Amino acid sequence: MMQTWYGQSLGIGLGAAIGLGLIAVILAIIVVVLKGYALWHAARRSEKWWFIILLLVNTIGILELVYLFFVVGKWHKFTDGNKPTN
């Protein structure tokens, strides 16, 4: 009797399932790192409401990126003190 793999009912093979699982693990690690970094910044800046929102809302890293880019101002190429001179 032939054994069947239960993922076949989804129409994907074993290799694709392993690949998707690996992508899910990598995405989970990235989200945890982003959430931790955003929470750390919110705590250091004493932004209680941002901390609570970032802690409770799970948006797969989107809200954390919005906070880090637009509120904290991280990863801007030039800040106010470092503008290039012509």
PDB file of N, CA and C in Angstrom:
ATOM      1  N   MET A   1       0.830  -1.172   0.000  1.00  0.00           N
ATOM      2  CA  MET A   1       0.000   0.000   0.000  1.00  0.00           C
ATOM      3  C   MET A   1       0.883   1.246   0.000  1.00  0.00           C
ATOM      4  N   MET A   2       0.497   2.241  -0.775  1.00  0.00           N
ATOM      5  CA  MET A   2       1.298   3.450  -0.922  1.00  0.00           C
ATOM      6  C   MET A   2       0.911   4.482   0.133  1.00  0.00           C
ATOM      7  N   GLN A   3       1.940   5.046   0.759  1.00  0.00           N
ATOM      8  CA  GLN A   3       1.666   6.087   1.745  1.00  0.00           C
ATOM      9  C   GLN A   3       1.484   7.418   1.032  1.00  0.00           C
ATOM     10  N   THR A   4       0.567   8.210   1.527  1.00  0.00           N
ATOM     11  CA  THR A   4       0.341   9.530   0.933  1.00  0.00           C
ATOM     12  C   THR A   4       0.746  10.601   1.922  1.00  0.00           C
ATOM     13  N   TRP A   5       1.209  11.682   1.353  1.00  0.00           N
ATOM     14  CA  TRP A   5       1.579  12.836   2.170  1.00  0.00           C
ATOM     15  C   TRP A   5       0.394  13.777   2.185  1.00  0.00           C
ATOM     16  N   TYR A   6       0.007  14.253   3.344  1.00  0.00           N
ATOM     17  CA  TYR A   6      -1.227  15.022   3.480  1.00  0.00           C
ATOM     18  C   TYR A   6      -1.172  16.382   2.800  1.00  0.00           C
ATOM     19  N   GLY A   7       0.008  16.912   2.536  1.00  0.00           N
ATOM     20  CA  GLY A   7       0.115  18.177   1.827  1.00  0.00           C
ATOM     21  C   GLY A   7      -0.312  18.076   0.384  1.00  0.00           C
ATOM     22  N   GLN A   8      -0.383  16.861  -0.137  1.00  0.00           N
ATOM     23  CA  GLN A   8      -0.793  16.678  -1.527  1.00  0.00           C
ATOM     24  C   GLN A   8      -2.238  17.087  -1.744  1.00  0.00           C
ATOM     25  N   SER A   9      -3.022  17.073  -0.698  1.00  0.00           N
ATOM     26  CA  SER A   9      -4.408  17.516  -0.856  1.00  0.00           C
ATOM     27  C   SER A   9      -4.476  19.014  -1.112  1.00  0.00           C
ATOM     28  N   LEU A  10      -3.421  19.743  -0.806  1.00  0.00           N
ATOM     29  CA  LEU A  10      -3.365  21.173  -1.090  1.00  0.00           C
ATOM     30  C   LEU A  10      -2.839  21.446  -2.496  1.00  0.00           C
ATOM     31  N   GLY A  11      -2.372  20.430  -3.160  1.00  0.00           N
ATOM     32  CA  GLY A  11      -1.873  20.588  -4.519  1.00  0.00           C
ATOM     33  C   GLY A  11      -0.425  21.026  -4.589  1.00  0.00           C
ATOM     34  N   ILE A  12       0.330  20.845  -3.510  1.00  0.00           N
ATOM     35  CA  ILE A  12       1.752  21.203  -3.516  1.00  0.00           C
ATOM     36  C   ILE A  12       2.577  19.978  -3.155  1.00  0.00           C
ATOM     37  N   GLY A  13       3.786  19.968  -3.619  1.00  0.00           N
ATOM     38  CA  GLY A  13       4.664  18.854  -3.316  1.00  0.00           C
ATOM     39  C   GLY A  13       5.414  19.072  -2.016  1.00  0.00           C
ATOM     40  N   LEU A  14       6.180  18.084  -1.644  1.00  0.00           N
ATOM     41  CA  LEU A  14       6.936  18.140  -0.398  1.00  0.00           C
ATOM     42  C   LEU A  14       7.992  19.241  -0.441  1.00  0.00           C
ATOM     43  N   GLY A  15       8.664  19.391  -1.570  1.00  0.00           N
ATOM     44  CA  GLY A  15       9.693  20.430  -1.695  1.00  0.00           C
ATOM     45  C   GLY A  15       9.115  21.830  -1.560  1.00  0.00           C
ATOM     46  N   ALA A  16       7.955  22.054  -2.165  1.00  0.00           N
ATOM     47  CA  ALA A  16       7.307  23.363  -2.068  1.00  0.00           C
ATOM     48  C   ALA A  16       6.862  23.641  -0.637  1.00  0.00           C
ATOM     49  N   ALA A  17       6.374  22.623   0.044  1.00  0.00           N
ATOM     50  CA  ALA A  17       5.942  22.797   1.430  1.00  0.00           C
ATOM     51  C   ALA A  17       7.126  23.136   2.326  1.00  0.00           C
ATOM     52  N   ILE A  18       8.256  22.491   2.105  1.00  0.00           N
ATOM     53  CA  ILE A  18       9.458  22.798   2.886  1.00  0.00           C
ATOM     54  C   ILE A  18       9.926  24.211   2.581  1.00  0.00           C
ATOM     55  N   GLY A  19       9.894  24.605   1.314  1.00  0.00           N
ATOM     56  CA  GLY A  19      10.286  25.959   0.933  1.00  0.00           C
ATOM     57  C   GLY A  19       9.393  27.014   1.554  1.00  0.00           C
ATOM     58  N   LEU A  20       8.085  26.781   1.531  1.00  0.00           N
ATOM     59  CA  LEU A  20       7.152  27.720   2.150  1.00  0.00           C
ATOM     60  C   LEU A  20       7.351  27.786   3.659  1.00  0.00           C
ATOM     61  N   GLY A  21       7.642  26.656   4.271  1.00  0.00           N
ATOM     62  CA  GLY A  21       7.918  26.641   5.706  1.00  0.00           C
ATOM     63  C   GLY A  21       9.167  27.434   6.044  1.00  0.00           C
ATOM     64  N   LEU A  22      10.193  27.313   5.214  1.00  0.00           N
ATOM     65  CA  LEU A  22      11.433  28.068   5.423  1.00  0.00           C
ATOM     66  C   LEU A  22      11.192  29.568   5.283  1.00  0.00           C
ATOM     67  N   ILE A  23      10.400  29.947   4.291  1.00  0.00           N
ATOM     68  CA  ILE A  23      10.056  31.362   4.112  1.00  0.00           C
ATOM     69  C   ILE A  23       9.281  31.873   5.321  1.00  0.00           C
ATOM     70  N   ALA A  24       8.364  31.073   5.851  1.00  0.00           N
ATOM     71  CA  ALA A  24       7.578  31.473   7.014  1.00  0.00           C
ATOM     72  C   ALA A  24       8.480  31.676   8.236  1.00  0.00           C
ATOM     73  N   VAL A  25       9.458  30.808   8.411  1.00  0.00           N
ATOM     74  CA  VAL A  25      10.382  30.937   9.545  1.00  0.00           C
ATOM     75  C   VAL A  25      11.226  32.198   9.407  1.00  0.00           C
ATOM     76  N   ILE A  26      11.738  32.474   8.220  1.00  0.00           N
ATOM     77  CA  ILE A  26      12.542  33.671   7.986  1.00  0.00           C
ATOM     78  C   ILE A  26      11.706  34.925   8.210  1.00  0.00           C
ATOM     79  N   LEU A  27      10.472  34.939   7.716  1.00  0.00           N
ATOM     80  CA  LEU A  27       9.576  36.074   7.916  1.00  0.00           C
ATOM     81  C   LEU A  27       9.281  36.285   9.397  1.00  0.00           C
ATOM     82  N   ALA A  28       9.073  35.197  10.139  1.00  0.00           N
ATOM     83  CA  ALA A  28       8.804  35.300  11.574  1.00  0.00           C
ATOM     84  C   ALA A  28       9.999  35.902  12.313  1.00  0.00           C
ATOM     85  N   ILE A  29      11.199  35.512  11.945  1.00  0.00           N
ATOM     86  CA  ILE A  29      12.400  36.069  12.583  1.00  0.00           C
ATOM     87  C   ILE A  29      12.516  37.556  12.296  1.00  0.00           C
ATOM     88  N   ILE A  30      12.268  37.959  11.053  1.00  0.00           N
ATOM     89  CA  ILE A  30      12.339  39.376  10.684  1.00  0.00           C
ATOM     90  C   ILE A  30      11.300  40.182  11.463  1.00  0.00           C
ATOM     91  N   VAL A  31      10.082  39.665  11.589  1.00  0.00           N
ATOM     92  CA  VAL A  31       9.020  40.368  12.308  1.00  0.00           C
ATOM     93  C   VAL A  31       9.368  40.528  13.788  1.00  0.00           C
ATOM     94  N   VAL A  32       9.917  39.494  14.396  1.00  0.00           N
ATOM     95  CA  VAL A  32      10.287  39.573  15.812  1.00  0.00           C
ATOM     96  C   VAL A  32      11.396  40.611  16.023  1.00  0.00           C
ATOM     97  N   VAL A  33      12.375  40.636  15.131  1.00  0.00           N
ATOM     98  CA  VAL A  33      13.460  41.615  15.243  1.00  0.00           C
ATOM     99  C   VAL A  33      12.919  43.034  15.073  1.00  0.00           C
ATOM    100  N   LEU A  34      12.079  43.259  14.073  1.00  0.00           N
ATOM    101  CA  LEU A  34      11.486  44.584  13.861  1.00  0.00           C
ATOM    102  C   LEU A  34      10.640  45.013  15.051  1.00  0.00           C
ATOM    103  N   LYS A  35       9.824  44.110  15.572  1.00  0.00           N
ATOM    104  CA  LYS A  35       8.978  44.433  16.713  1.00  0.00           C
ATOM    105  C   LYS A  35       9.832  44.783  17.927  1.00  0.00           C
ATOM    106  N   GLY A  36      10.861  44.016  18.185  1.00  0.00           N
ATOM    107  CA  GLY A  36      11.746  44.306  19.308  1.00  0.00           C
ATOM    108  C   GLY A  36      12.442  45.646  19.165  1.00  0.00           C
ATOM    109  N   TYR A  37      12.917  45.946  17.981  1.00  0.00           N
ATOM    110  CA  TYR A  37      13.614  47.214  17.724  1.00  0.00           C
ATOM    111  C   TYR A  37      12.656  48.397  17.875  1.00  0.00           C
ATOM    112  N   ALA A  38      11.445  48.273  17.351  1.00  0.00           N
ATOM    113  CA  ALA A  38      10.458  49.345  17.469  1.00  0.00           C
ATOM    114  C   ALA A  38      10.018  49.523  18.924  1.00  0.00           C
ATOM    115  N   LEU A  39       9.797  48.434  19.634  1.00  0.00           N
ATOM    116  CA  LEU A  39       9.428  48.529  21.054  1.00  0.00           C
ATOM    117  C   LEU A  39      10.548  49.155  21.872  1.00  0.00           C
ATOM    118  N   TRP A  40      11.782  48.826  21.568  1.00  0.00           N
ATOM    119  CA  TRP A  40      12.927  49.400  22.277  1.00  0.00           C
ATOM    120  C   TRP A  40      12.960  50.915  22.081  1.00  0.00           C
ATOM    121  N   HIS A  41      12.751  51.355  20.836  1.00  0.00           N
ATOM    122  CA  HIS A  41      12.745  52.797  20.571  1.00  0.00           C
ATOM    123  C   HIS A  41      11.575  53.481  21.277  1.00  0.00           C
ATOM    124  N   ALA A  42      10.403  52.885  21.254  1.00  0.00           N
ATOM    125  CA  ALA A  42       9.244  53.483  21.912  1.00  0.00           C
ATOM    126  C   ALA A  42       9.476  53.596  23.415  1.00  0.00           C
ATOM    127  N   ALA A  43      10.081  52.602  24.006  1.00  0.00           N
ATOM    128  CA  ALA A  43      10.365  52.644  25.444  1.00  0.00           C
ATOM    129  C   ALA A  43      11.409  53.709  25.770  1.00  0.00           C
ATOM    130  N   ARG A  44      12.468  53.793  24.980  1.00  0.00           N
ATOM    131  CA  ARG A  44      13.518  54.795  25.237  1.00  0.00           C
ATOM    132  C   ARG A  44      13.011  56.217  25.046  1.00  0.00           C
ATOM    133  N   ARG A  45      12.041  56.391  24.146  1.00  0.00           N
ATOM    134  CA  ARG A  45      11.490  57.729  23.895  1.00  0.00           C
ATOM    135  C   ARG A  45      10.292  58.029  24.783  1.00  0.00           C
ATOM    136  N   SER A  46       9.976  57.126  25.710  1.00  0.00           N
ATOM    137  CA  SER A  46       8.849  57.263  26.651  1.00  0.00           C
ATOM    138  C   SER A  46       7.524  57.489  25.931  1.00  0.00           C
ATOM    139  N   GLU A  47       7.322  56.789  24.839  1.00  0.00           N
ATOM    140  CA  GLU A  47       6.087  56.880  24.078  1.00  0.00           C
ATOM    141  C   GLU A  47       5.199  55.694  24.447  1.00  0.00           C
ATOM    142  N   LYS A  48       4.455  55.896  25.543  1.00  0.00           N
ATOM    143  CA  LYS A  48       3.668  54.807  26.110  1.00  0.00           C
ATOM    144  C   LYS A  48       2.626  54.261  25.118  1.00  0.00           C
ATOM    145  N   TRP A  49       1.911  55.131  24.410  1.00  0.00           N
ATOM    146  CA  TRP A  49       0.856  54.671  23.510  1.00  0.00           C
ATOM    147  C   TRP A  49       1.418  53.924  22.312  1.00  0.00           C
ATOM    148  N   TRP A  50       2.531  54.393  21.765  1.00  0.00           N
ATOM    149  CA  TRP A  50       3.161  53.654  20.675  1.00  0.00           C
ATOM    150  C   TRP A  50       3.610  52.278  21.157  1.00  0.00           C
ATOM    151  N   PHE A  51       4.160  52.213  22.368  1.00  0.00           N
ATOM    152  CA  PHE A  51       4.605  50.938  22.917  1.00  0.00           C
ATOM    153  C   PHE A  51       3.441  49.966  23.028  1.00  0.00           C
ATOM    154  N   ILE A  52       2.311  50.433  23.559  1.00  0.00           N
ATOM    155  CA  ILE A  52       1.146  49.568  23.727  1.00  0.00           C
ATOM    156  C   ILE A  52       0.608  49.111  22.370  1.00  0.00           C
ATOM    157  N   ILE A  53       0.503  50.040  21.425  1.00  0.00           N
ATOM    158  CA  ILE A  53      -0.007  49.683  20.094  1.00  0.00           C
ATOM    159  C   ILE A  53       0.916  48.678  19.411  1.00  0.00           C
ATOM    160  N   LEU A  54       2.228  48.950  19.449  1.00  0.00           N
ATOM    161  CA  LEU A  54       3.176  48.036  18.807  1.00  0.00           C
ATOM    162  C   LEU A  54       3.188  46.658  19.467  1.00  0.00           C
ATOM    163  N   LEU A  55       2.953  46.633  20.774  1.00  0.00           N
ATOM    164  CA  LEU A  55       2.954  45.369  21.499  1.00  0.00           C
ATOM    165  C   LEU A  55       1.713  44.528  21.170  1.00  0.00           C
ATOM    166  N   LEU A  56       0.568  45.181  21.025  1.00  0.00           N
ATOM    167  CA  LEU A  56      -0.683  44.444  20.863  1.00  0.00           C
ATOM    168  C   LEU A  56      -1.069  44.171  19.415  1.00  0.00           C
ATOM    169  N   VAL A  57      -0.713  45.056  18.505  1.00  0.00           N
ATOM    170  CA  VAL A  57      -1.138  44.921  17.114  1.00  0.00           C
ATOM    171  C   VAL A  57      -0.076  44.165  16.329  1.00  0.00           C
ATOM    172  N   ASN A  58      -0.489  43.114  15.635  1.00  0.00           N
ATOM    173  CA  ASN A  58       0.431  42.338  14.822  1.00  0.00           C
ATOM    174  C   ASN A  58       0.095  42.552  13.350  1.00  0.00           C
ATOM    175  N   THR A  59       0.942  43.295  12.641  1.00  0.00           N
ATOM    176  CA  THR A  59       0.703  43.603  11.235  1.00  0.00           C
ATOM    177  C   THR A  59       1.832  43.088  10.346  1.00  0.00           C
ATOM    178  N   ILE A  60       2.476  42.022  10.765  1.00  0.00           N
ATOM    179  CA  ILE A  60       3.565  41.398  10.014  1.00  0.00           C
ATOM    180  C   ILE A  60       4.684  42.405   9.737  1.00  0.00           C
ATOM    181  N   GLY A  61       4.940  43.275  10.689  1.00  0.00           N
ATOM    182  CA  GLY A  61       6.057  44.209  10.580  1.00  0.00           C
ATOM    183  C   GLY A  61       5.740  45.524   9.904  1.00  0.00           C
ATOM    184  N   ILE A  62       4.537  45.690   9.361  1.00  0.00           N
ATOM    185  CA  ILE A  62       4.213  46.916   8.634  1.00  0.00           C
ATOM    186  C   ILE A  62       4.132  48.103   9.586  1.00  0.00           C
ATOM    187  N   LEU A  63       3.403  47.964  10.693  1.00  0.00           N
ATOM    188  CA  LEU A  63       3.279  49.062  11.655  1.00  0.00           C
ATOM    189  C   LEU A  63       4.635  49.401  12.266  1.00  0.00           C
ATOM    190  N   GLU A  64       5.463  48.390  12.513  1.00  0.00           N
ATOM    191  CA  GLU A  64       6.781  48.635  13.065  1.00  0.00           C
ATOM    192  C   GLU A  64       7.642  49.442  12.103  1.00  0.00           C
ATOM    193  N   LEU A  65       7.575  49.109  10.812  1.00  0.00           N
ATOM    194  CA  LEU A  65       8.330  49.865   9.813  1.00  0.00           C
ATOM    195  C   LEU A  65       7.832  51.300   9.702  1.00  0.00           C
ATOM    196  N   VAL A  66       6.516  51.496   9.749  1.00  0.00           N
ATOM    197  CA  VAL A  66       5.961  52.853   9.711  1.00  0.00           C
ATOM    198  C   VAL A  66       6.474  53.652  10.898  1.00  0.00           C
ATOM    199  N   TYR A  67       6.450  53.053  12.080  1.00  0.00           N
ATOM    200  CA  TYR A  67       6.937  53.740  13.282  1.00  0.00           C
ATOM    201  C   TYR A  67       8.419  54.086  13.153  1.00  0.00           C
ATOM    202  N   LEU A  68       9.227  53.128  12.737  1.00  0.00           N
ATOM    203  CA  LEU A  68      10.672  53.365  12.656  1.00  0.00           C
ATOM    204  C   LEU A  68      11.030  54.374  11.570  1.00  0.00           C
ATOM    205  N   PHE A  69      10.349  54.340  10.439  1.00  0.00           N
ATOM    206  CA  PHE A  69      10.667  55.259   9.346  1.00  0.00           C
ATOM    207  C   PHE A  69      10.149  56.669   9.593  1.00  0.00           C
ATOM    208  N   PHE A  70       8.879  56.779   9.986  1.00  0.00           N
ATOM    209  CA  PHE A  70       8.236  58.090  10.012  1.00  0.00           C
ATOM    210  C   PHE A  70       8.197  58.750  11.380  1.00  0.00           C
ATOM    211  N   VAL A  71       8.114  57.983  12.458  1.00  0.00           N
ATOM    212  CA  VAL A  71       8.046  58.576  13.791  1.00  0.00           C
ATOM    213  C   VAL A  71       9.441  58.735  14.370  1.00  0.00           C
ATOM    214  N   VAL A  72      10.217  57.677  14.376  1.00  0.00           N
ATOM    215  CA  VAL A  72      11.564  57.734  14.941  1.00  0.00           C
ATOM    216  C   VAL A  72      12.532  58.392  13.963  1.00  0.00           C
ATOM    217  N   GLY A  73      12.320  58.181  12.673  1.00  0.00           N
ATOM    218  CA  GLY A  73      13.202  58.760  11.668  1.00  0.00           C
ATOM    219  C   GLY A  73      14.450  57.922  11.430  1.00  0.00           C
ATOM    220  N   LYS A  74      14.388  56.646  11.716  1.00  0.00           N
ATOM    221  CA  LYS A  74      15.522  55.754  11.469  1.00  0.00           C
ATOM    222  C   LYS A  74      15.650  55.476   9.984  1.00  0.00           C
ATOM    223  N   TRP A  75      16.865  55.217   9.582  1.00  0.00           N
ATOM    224  CA  TRP A  75      17.222  54.817   8.226  1.00  0.00           C
ATOM    225  C   TRP A  75      17.027  55.917   7.197  1.00  0.00           C
ATOM    226  N   HIS A  76      16.964  57.168   7.639  1.00  0.00           N
ATOM    227  CA  HIS A  76      16.985  58.265   6.669  1.00  0.00           C
ATOM    228  C   HIS A  76      18.426  58.497   6.278  1.00  0.00           C
ATOM    229  N   LYS A  77      18.668  58.724   5.026  1.00  0.00           N
ATOM    230  CA  LYS A  77      20.039  58.855   4.547  1.00  0.00           C
ATOM    231  C   LYS A  77      20.698  60.090   5.150  1.00  0.00           C
ATOM    232  N   PHE A  78      19.970  61.203   5.206  1.00  0.00           N
ATOM    233  CA  PHE A  78      20.514  62.431   5.774  1.00  0.00           C
ATOM    234  C   PHE A  78      19.537  62.963   6.825  1.00  0.00           C
ATOM    235  N   THR A  79      20.064  63.206   8.013  1.00  0.00           N
ATOM    236  CA  THR A  79      19.235  63.835   9.036  1.00  0.00           C
ATOM    237  C   THR A  79      19.489  65.332   8.987  1.00  0.00           C
ATOM    238  N   ASP A  80      18.808  66.119   9.809  1.00  0.00           N
ATOM    239  CA  ASP A  80      18.920  67.572   9.776  1.00  0.00           C
ATOM    240  C   ASP A  80      20.363  68.044   9.967  1.00  0.00           C
ATOM    241  N   GLY A  81      21.116  67.398  10.831  1.00  0.00           N
ATOM    242  CA  GLY A  81      22.483  67.823  11.098  1.00  0.00           C
ATOM    243  C   GLY A  81      23.500  67.330  10.083  1.00  0.00           C
ATOM    244  N   ASN A  82      23.121  66.412   9.227  1.00  0.00           N
ATOM    245  CA  ASN A  82      24.077  65.810   8.299  1.00  0.00           C
ATOM    246  C   ASN A  82      23.718  66.048   6.841  1.00  0.00           C
ATOM    247  N   LYS A  83      23.113  67.171   6.533  1.00  0.00           N
ATOM    248  CA  LYS A  83      22.756  67.448   5.137  1.00  0.00           C
ATOM    249  C   LYS A  83      24.023  67.720   4.335  1.00  0.00           C
ATOM    250  N   PRO A  84      24.072  67.217   3.116  1.00  0.00           N
ATOM    251  CA  PRO A  84      25.270  67.448   2.306  1.00  0.00           C
ATOM    252  C   PRO A  84      25.351  68.924   1.871  1.00  0.00           C
ATOM    253  N   THR A  85      26.552  69.387   1.759  1.00  0.00           N
ATOM    254  CA  THR A  85      26.746  70.775   1.312  1.00  0.00           C
ATOM    255  C   THR A  85      27.095  70.760  -0.170  1.00  0.00           C
ATOM    256  N   ASN A  86      26.632  71.782  -0.885  1.00  0.00           N
ATOM    257  CA  ASN A  86      26.889  71.857  -2.338  1.00  0.00           C
ATOM    258  C   ASN A  86      28.122  72.648  -2.607  1.00  0.00           C
TER     259      ASN A  86
END
